[in-house]
PDB file of N, CA and C in Angstrom:
ATOM      1  N   MET A   1     -16.085  24.022 -10.468  1.00  0.00           N
ATOM      2  CA  MET A   1     -15.461  23.010 -11.286  1.00  0.00           C
ATOM      3  C   MET A   1     -15.982  21.642 -10.827  1.00  0.00           C
ATOM      4  N   THR A   2     -16.331  20.808 -11.771  1.00  0.00           N
ATOM      5  CA  THR A   2     -16.794  19.462 -11.471  1.00  0.00           C
ATOM      6  C   THR A   2     -15.599  18.534 -11.271  1.00  0.00           C
ATOM      7  N   VAL A   3     -15.657  17.782 -10.187  1.00  0.00           N
ATOM      8  CA  VAL A   3     -14.585  16.829  -9.892  1.00  0.00           C
ATOM      9  C   VAL A   3     -15.033  15.452 -10.341  1.00  0.00           C
ATOM     10  N   PRO A   4     -14.209  14.759 -11.113  1.00  0.00           N
ATOM     11  CA  PRO A   4     -14.587  13.398 -11.527  1.00  0.00           C
ATOM     12  C   PRO A   4     -14.800  12.506 -10.310  1.00  0.00           C
ATOM     13  N   ALA A   5     -15.680  11.549 -10.458  1.00  0.00           N
ATOM     14  CA  ALA A   5     -15.944  10.594  -9.377  1.00  0.00           C
ATOM     15  C   ALA A   5     -14.944   9.447  -9.500  1.00  0.00           C
ATOM     16  N   TYR A   6     -13.837   9.567  -8.801  1.00  0.00           N
ATOM     17  CA  TYR A   6     -12.817   8.530  -8.837  1.00  0.00           C
ATOM     18  C   TYR A   6     -13.224   7.375  -7.925  1.00  0.00           C
ATOM     19  N   PRO A   7     -12.995   6.132  -8.359  1.00  0.00           N
ATOM     20  CA  PRO A   7     -13.271   4.994  -7.479  1.00  0.00           C
ATOM     21  C   PRO A   7     -12.332   5.027  -6.272  1.00  0.00           C
ATOM     22  N   ILE A   8     -12.842   4.532  -5.165  1.00  0.00           N
ATOM     23  CA  ILE A   8     -12.080   4.492  -3.915  1.00  0.00           C
ATOM     24  C   ILE A   8     -12.057   3.063  -3.397  1.00  0.00           C
ATOM     25  N   ASN A   9     -10.876   2.564  -3.072  1.00  0.00           N
ATOM     26  CA  ASN A   9     -10.728   1.271  -2.394  1.00  0.00           C
ATOM     27  C   ASN A   9     -10.691   1.538  -0.899  1.00  0.00           C
ATOM     28  N   VAL A  10     -11.406   0.714  -0.140  1.00  0.00           N
ATOM     29  CA  VAL A  10     -11.383   0.833   1.318  1.00  0.00           C
ATOM     30  C   VAL A  10     -11.077  -0.545   1.887  1.00  0.00           C
ATOM     31  N   PHE A  11     -10.094  -0.603   2.787  1.00  0.00           N
ATOM     32  CA  PHE A  11      -9.730  -1.895   3.357  1.00  0.00           C
ATOM     33  C   PHE A  11      -9.121  -1.699   4.741  1.00  0.00           C
ATOM     34  N   TRP A  12      -9.188  -2.756   5.545  1.00  0.00           N
ATOM     35  CA  TRP A  12      -8.578  -2.758   6.867  1.00  0.00           C
ATOM     36  C   TRP A  12      -7.105  -3.118   6.746  1.00  0.00           C
ATOM     37  N   SER A  13      -6.265  -2.395   7.461  1.00  0.00           N
ATOM     38  CA  SER A  13      -4.830  -2.678   7.491  1.00  0.00           C
ATOM     39  C   SER A  13      -4.448  -3.115   8.898  1.00  0.00           C
ATOM     40  N   ASP A  14      -4.090  -4.390   9.048  1.00  0.00           N
ATOM     41  CA  ASP A  14      -3.604  -4.869  10.341  1.00  0.00           C
ATOM     42  C   ASP A  14      -2.321  -4.144  10.734  1.00  0.00           C
ATOM     43  N   GLU A  15      -1.479  -3.888   9.750  1.00  0.00           N
ATOM     44  CA  GLU A  15      -0.195  -3.223  10.009  1.00  0.00           C
ATOM     45  C   GLU A  15      -0.398  -1.835  10.618  1.00  0.00           C
ATOM     46  N   ASP A  16      -1.379  -1.090  10.095  1.00  0.00           N
ATOM     47  CA  ASP A  16      -1.639   0.262  10.581  1.00  0.00           C
ATOM     48  C   ASP A  16      -2.669   0.286  11.711  1.00  0.00           C
ATOM     49  N   GLY A  17      -3.429  -0.797  11.859  1.00  0.00           N
ATOM     50  CA  GLY A  17      -4.484  -0.826  12.855  1.00  0.00           C
ATOM     51  C   GLY A  17      -5.579   0.179  12.565  1.00  0.00           C
ATOM     52  N   ALA A  18      -5.867   0.361  11.272  1.00  0.00           N
ATOM     53  CA  ALA A  18      -6.845   1.363  10.856  1.00  0.00           C
ATOM     54  C   ALA A  18      -7.388   1.019   9.467  1.00  0.00           C
ATOM     55  N   TRP A  19      -8.426   1.748   9.091  1.00  0.00           N
ATOM     56  CA  TRP A  19      -8.978   1.630   7.742  1.00  0.00           C
ATOM     57  C   TRP A  19      -8.189   2.517   6.799  1.00  0.00           C
ATOM     58  N   ILE A  20      -7.949   2.018   5.600  1.00  0.00           N
ATOM     59  CA  ILE A  20      -7.235   2.751   4.558  1.00  0.00           C
ATOM     60  C   ILE A  20      -8.190   2.959   3.390  1.00  0.00           C
ATOM     61  N   ALA A  21      -8.167   4.160   2.841  1.00  0.00           N
ATOM     62  CA  ALA A  21      -8.907   4.450   1.609  1.00  0.00           C
ATOM     63  C   ALA A  21      -7.888   4.971   0.607  1.00  0.00           C
ATOM     64  N   ASP A  22      -7.925   4.440  -0.599  1.00  0.00           N
ATOM     65  CA  ASP A  22      -7.020   4.952  -1.619  1.00  0.00           C
ATOM     66  C   ASP A  22      -7.758   5.107  -2.930  1.00  0.00           C
ATOM     67  N   VAL A  23      -7.195   5.998  -3.759  1.00  0.00           N
ATOM     68  CA  VAL A  23      -7.759   6.305  -5.073  1.00  0.00           C
ATOM     69  C   VAL A  23      -6.777   5.758  -6.102  1.00  0.00           C
ATOM     70  N   PRO A  24      -7.063   4.567  -6.664  1.00  0.00           N
ATOM     71  CA  PRO A  24      -6.087   3.937  -7.559  1.00  0.00           C
ATOM     72  C   PRO A  24      -5.747   4.751  -8.813  1.00  0.00           C
ATOM     73  N   ASP A  25      -6.663   5.613  -9.243  1.00  0.00           N
ATOM     74  CA  ASP A  25      -6.402   6.414 -10.440  1.00  0.00           C
ATOM     75  C   ASP A  25      -5.415   7.553 -10.193  1.00  0.00           C
ATOM     76  N   LEU A  26      -5.184   7.898  -8.917  1.00  0.00           N
ATOM     77  CA  LEU A  26      -4.306   9.011  -8.564  1.00  0.00           C
ATOM     78  C   LEU A  26      -3.144   8.470  -7.724  1.00  0.00           C
ATOM     79  N   ALA A  27      -1.979   8.467  -8.300  1.00  0.00           N
ATOM     80  CA  ALA A  27      -0.807   7.884  -7.646  1.00  0.00           C
ATOM     81  C   ALA A  27      -0.595   8.453  -6.245  1.00  0.00           C
ATOM     82  N   TYR A  28      -0.441   7.540  -5.290  1.00  0.00           N
ATOM     83  CA  TYR A  28      -0.126   7.882  -3.900  1.00  0.00           C
ATOM     84  C   TYR A  28      -1.205   8.694  -3.202  1.00  0.00           C
ATOM     85  N   CYS A  29      -2.430   8.656  -3.690  1.00  0.00           N
ATOM     86  CA  CYS A  29      -3.528   9.377  -3.043  1.00  0.00           C
ATOM     87  C   CYS A  29      -4.258   8.403  -2.120  1.00  0.00           C
ATOM     88  N   SER A  30      -4.019   8.557  -0.817  1.00  0.00           N
ATOM     89  CA  SER A  30      -4.646   7.664   0.150  1.00  0.00           C
ATOM     90  C   SER A  30      -4.831   8.396   1.471  1.00  0.00           C
ATOM     91  N   ALA A  31      -5.610   7.778   2.355  1.00  0.00           N
ATOM     92  CA  ALA A  31      -5.863   8.347   3.678  1.00  0.00           C
ATOM     93  C   ALA A  31      -6.186   7.217   4.639  1.00  0.00           C
ATOM     94  N   ILE A  32      -6.175   7.547   5.911  1.00  0.00           N
ATOM     95  CA  ILE A  32      -6.380   6.566   6.963  1.00  0.00           C
ATOM     96  C   ILE A  32      -7.493   7.069   7.882  1.00  0.00           C
ATOM     97  N   GLY A  33      -8.228   6.128   8.490  1.00  0.00           N
ATOM     98  CA  GLY A  33      -9.277   6.517   9.425  1.00  0.00           C
ATOM     99  C   GLY A  33      -9.597   5.416  10.410  1.00  0.00           C
ATOM    100  N   ASP A  34     -10.238   5.785  11.503  1.00  0.00           N
ATOM    101  CA  ASP A  34     -10.648   4.803  12.511  1.00  0.00           C
ATOM    102  C   ASP A  34     -11.843   3.971  12.053  1.00  0.00           C
ATOM    103  N   THR A  35     -12.610   4.502  11.099  1.00  0.00           N
ATOM    104  CA  THR A  35     -13.755   3.794  10.527  1.00  0.00           C
ATOM    105  C   THR A  35     -13.660   3.888   9.006  1.00  0.00           C
ATOM    106  N   PRO A  36     -14.377   3.016   8.299  1.00  0.00           N
ATOM    107  CA  PRO A  36     -14.367   3.140   6.833  1.00  0.00           C
ATOM    108  C   PRO A  36     -14.870   4.510   6.369  1.00  0.00           C
ATOM    109  N   HIS A  37     -15.902   5.018   7.015  1.00  0.00           N
ATOM    110  CA  HIS A  37     -16.463   6.316   6.619  1.00  0.00           C
ATOM    111  C   HIS A  37     -15.458   7.451   6.839  1.00  0.00           C
ATOM    112  N   GLU A  38     -14.723   7.385   7.949  1.00  0.00           N
ATOM    113  CA  GLU A  38     -13.705   8.401   8.215  1.00  0.00           C
ATOM    114  C   GLU A  38     -12.591   8.336   7.177  1.00  0.00           C
ATOM    115  N   ALA A  39     -12.173   7.142   6.812  1.00  0.00           N
ATOM    116  CA  ALA A  39     -11.123   6.996   5.802  1.00  0.00           C
ATOM    117  C   ALA A  39     -11.576   7.572   4.458  1.00  0.00           C
ATOM    118  N   VAL A  40     -12.830   7.314   4.089  1.00  0.00           N
ATOM    119  CA  VAL A  40     -13.355   7.845   2.823  1.00  0.00           C
ATOM    120  C   VAL A  40     -13.427   9.370   2.882  1.00  0.00           C
ATOM    121  N   ALA A  41     -13.919   9.914   3.987  1.00  0.00           N
ATOM    122  CA  ALA A  41     -13.992  11.374   4.117  1.00  0.00           C
ATOM    123  C   ALA A  41     -12.605  11.993   3.988  1.00  0.00           C
ATOM    124  N   GLU A  42     -11.612  11.365   4.611  1.00  0.00           N
ATOM    125  CA  GLU A  42     -10.245  11.882   4.543  1.00  0.00           C
ATOM    126  C   GLU A  42      -9.660  11.765   3.139  1.00  0.00           C
ATOM    127  N   VAL A  43      -9.963  10.671   2.441  1.00  0.00           N
ATOM    128  CA  VAL A  43      -9.406  10.531   1.091  1.00  0.00           C
ATOM    129  C   VAL A  43     -10.103  11.472   0.113  1.00  0.00           C
ATOM    130  N   GLU A  44     -11.324  11.865   0.392  1.00  0.00           N
ATOM    131  CA  GLU A  44     -11.975  12.872  -0.448  1.00  0.00           C
ATOM    132  C   GLU A  44     -11.240  14.210  -0.326  1.00  0.00           C
ATOM    133  N   VAL A  45     -10.810  14.552   0.889  1.00  0.00           N
ATOM    134  CA  VAL A  45     -10.008  15.763   1.096  1.00  0.00           C
ATOM    135  C   VAL A  45      -8.664  15.613   0.381  1.00  0.00           C
ATOM    136  N   ALA A  46      -8.043  14.451   0.518  1.00  0.00           N
ATOM    137  CA  ALA A  46      -6.759  14.199  -0.142  1.00  0.00           C
ATOM    138  C   ALA A  46      -6.884  14.281  -1.662  1.00  0.00           C
ATOM    139  N   THR A  47      -8.004  13.800  -2.198  1.00  0.00           N
ATOM    140  CA  THR A  47      -8.234  13.857  -3.645  1.00  0.00           C
ATOM    141  C   THR A  47      -8.288  15.302  -4.121  1.00  0.00           C
ATOM    142  N   GLU A  48      -9.005  16.138  -3.399  1.00  0.00           N
ATOM    143  CA  GLU A  48      -9.074  17.560  -3.760  1.00  0.00           C
ATOM    144  C   GLU A  48      -7.679  18.188  -3.736  1.00  0.00           C
ATOM    145  N   ALA A  49      -6.897  17.868  -2.708  1.00  0.00           N
ATOM    146  CA  ALA A  49      -5.536  18.412  -2.604  1.00  0.00           C
ATOM    147  C   ALA A  49      -4.660  17.901  -3.746  1.00  0.00           C
ATOM    148  N   TRP A  50      -4.785  16.611  -4.077  1.00  0.00           N
ATOM    149  CA  TRP A  50      -4.013  16.006  -5.158  1.00  0.00           C
ATOM    150  C   TRP A  50      -4.323  16.740  -6.465  1.00  0.00           C
ATOM    151  N   LEU A  51      -5.616  16.936  -6.751  1.00  0.00           N
ATOM    152  CA  LEU A  51      -6.020  17.589  -7.996  1.00  0.00           C
ATOM    153  C   LEU A  51      -5.570  19.042  -8.038  1.00  0.00           C
ATOM    154  N   GLU A  52      -5.686  19.741  -6.911  1.00  0.00           N
ATOM    155  CA  GLU A  52      -5.255  21.134  -6.844  1.00  0.00           C
ATOM    156  C   GLU A  52      -3.755  21.250  -7.107  1.00  0.00           C
ATOM    157  N   ALA A  53      -2.968  20.372  -6.498  1.00  0.00           N
ATOM    158  CA  ALA A  53      -1.521  20.384  -6.711  1.00  0.00           C
ATOM    159  C   ALA A  53      -1.170  20.058  -8.163  1.00  0.00           C
ATOM    160  N   ALA A  54      -1.877  19.103  -8.740  1.00  0.00           N
ATOM    161  CA  ALA A  54      -1.617  18.738 -10.141  1.00  0.00           C
ATOM    162  C   ALA A  54      -1.901  19.921 -11.066  1.00  0.00           C
ATOM    163  N   ARG A  55      -3.032  20.587 -10.827  1.00  0.00           N
ATOM    164  CA  ARG A  55      -3.374  21.750 -11.659  1.00  0.00           C
ATOM    165  C   ARG A  55      -2.318  22.848 -11.506  1.00  0.00           C
ATOM    166  N   ALA A  56      -1.923  23.119 -10.267  1.00  0.00           N
ATOM    167  CA  ALA A  56      -0.961  24.185  -9.997  1.00  0.00           C
ATOM    168  C   ALA A  56       0.395  23.916 -10.639  1.00  0.00           C
ATOM    169  N   ASN A  57       0.741  22.649 -10.811  1.00  0.00           N
ATOM    170  CA  ASN A  57       2.028  22.278 -11.389  1.00  0.00           C
ATOM    171  C   ASN A  57       1.944  21.853 -12.838  1.00  0.00           C
ATOM    172  N   GLY A  58       0.776  22.009 -13.455  1.00  0.00           N
ATOM    173  CA  GLY A  58       0.612  21.680 -14.865  1.00  0.00           C
ATOM    174  C   GLY A  58       0.680  20.189 -15.173  1.00  0.00           C
ATOM    175  N   ARG A  59       0.430  19.357 -14.157  1.00  0.00           N
ATOM    176  CA  ARG A  59       0.455  17.902 -14.376  1.00  0.00           C
ATOM    177  C   ARG A  59      -0.836  17.447 -15.050  1.00  0.00           C
ATOM    178  N   VAL A  60      -0.733  16.368 -15.770  1.00  0.00           N
ATOM    179  CA  VAL A  60      -1.899  15.768 -16.408  1.00  0.00           C
ATOM    180  C   VAL A  60      -2.757  15.118 -15.331  1.00  0.00           C
ATOM    181  N   ILE A  61      -4.043  15.392 -15.370  1.00  0.00           N
ATOM    182  CA  ILE A  61      -4.977  14.792 -14.420  1.00  0.00           C
ATOM    183  C   ILE A  61      -5.651  13.617 -15.118  1.00  0.00           C
ATOM    184  N   PRO A  62      -5.452  12.421 -14.591  1.00  0.00           N
ATOM    185  CA  PRO A  62      -6.026  11.246 -15.252  1.00  0.00           C
ATOM    186  C   PRO A  62      -7.549  11.237 -15.134  1.00  0.00           C
ATOM    187  N   PRO A  63      -8.214  10.720 -16.153  1.00  0.00           N
ATOM    188  CA  PRO A  63      -9.663  10.593 -16.056  1.00  0.00           C
ATOM    189  C   PRO A  63     -10.016   9.497 -15.056  1.00  0.00           C
ATOM    190  N   ALA A  64     -11.200   9.603 -14.501  1.00  0.00           N
ATOM    191  CA  ALA A  64     -11.685   8.544 -13.612  1.00  0.00           C
ATOM    192  C   ALA A  64     -11.875   7.284 -14.442  1.00  0.00           C
ATOM    193  N   SER A  65     -11.456   6.166 -13.883  1.00  0.00           N
ATOM    194  CA  SER A  65     -11.515   4.916 -14.635  1.00  0.00           C
ATOM    195  C   SER A  65     -12.914   4.367 -14.791  1.00  0.00           C
ATOM    196  N   GLY A  66     -13.784   4.753 -13.902  1.00  0.00           N
ATOM    197  CA  GLY A  66     -15.163   4.266 -14.002  1.00  0.00           C
ATOM    198  C   GLY A  66     -15.341   2.865 -13.494  1.00  0.00           C
ATOM    199  N   ARG A  67     -14.265   2.259 -12.954  1.00  0.00           N
ATOM    200  CA  ARG A  67     -14.380   0.925 -12.411  1.00  0.00           C
ATOM    201  C   ARG A  67     -15.218   0.956 -11.144  1.00  0.00           C
ATOM    202  N   VAL A  68     -15.904  -0.125 -10.889  1.00  0.00           N
ATOM    203  CA  VAL A  68     -16.603  -0.269  -9.625  1.00  0.00           C
ATOM    204  C   VAL A  68     -15.745  -1.172  -8.751  1.00  0.00           C
ATOM    205  N   ILE A  69     -15.332  -0.652  -7.616  1.00  0.00           N
ATOM    206  CA  ILE A  69     -14.440  -1.389  -6.720  1.00  0.00           C
ATOM    207  C   ILE A  69     -15.164  -1.616  -5.397  1.00  0.00           C
ATOM    208  N   HIS A  70     -15.221  -2.860  -4.995  1.00  0.00           N
ATOM    209  CA  HIS A  70     -15.882  -3.203  -3.736  1.00  0.00           C
ATOM    210  C   HIS A  70     -14.832  -3.580  -2.713  1.00  0.00           C
ATOM    211  N   ALA A  71     -15.003  -3.093  -1.494  1.00  0.00           N
ATOM    212  CA  ALA A  71     -14.058  -3.417  -0.425  1.00  0.00           C
ATOM    213  C   ALA A  71     -14.429  -4.759   0.187  1.00  0.00           C
TER     214      ALA A  71
END
């Protein structure tokens, strides 16, 4: 199955003391990492889990917005 390429926001969080990656098209889909690359790798795993859970529960999966987001 092809997974849409969802845009990912990556930013530093002083509050968490770590990098945060989130997928704005998927509600509450985010991850944390010690580096930007680690945060992105973790949010890719979270995205797969989010989509799998949505499919299993018959939820609508939003299309990728196609926006280009720069951190």
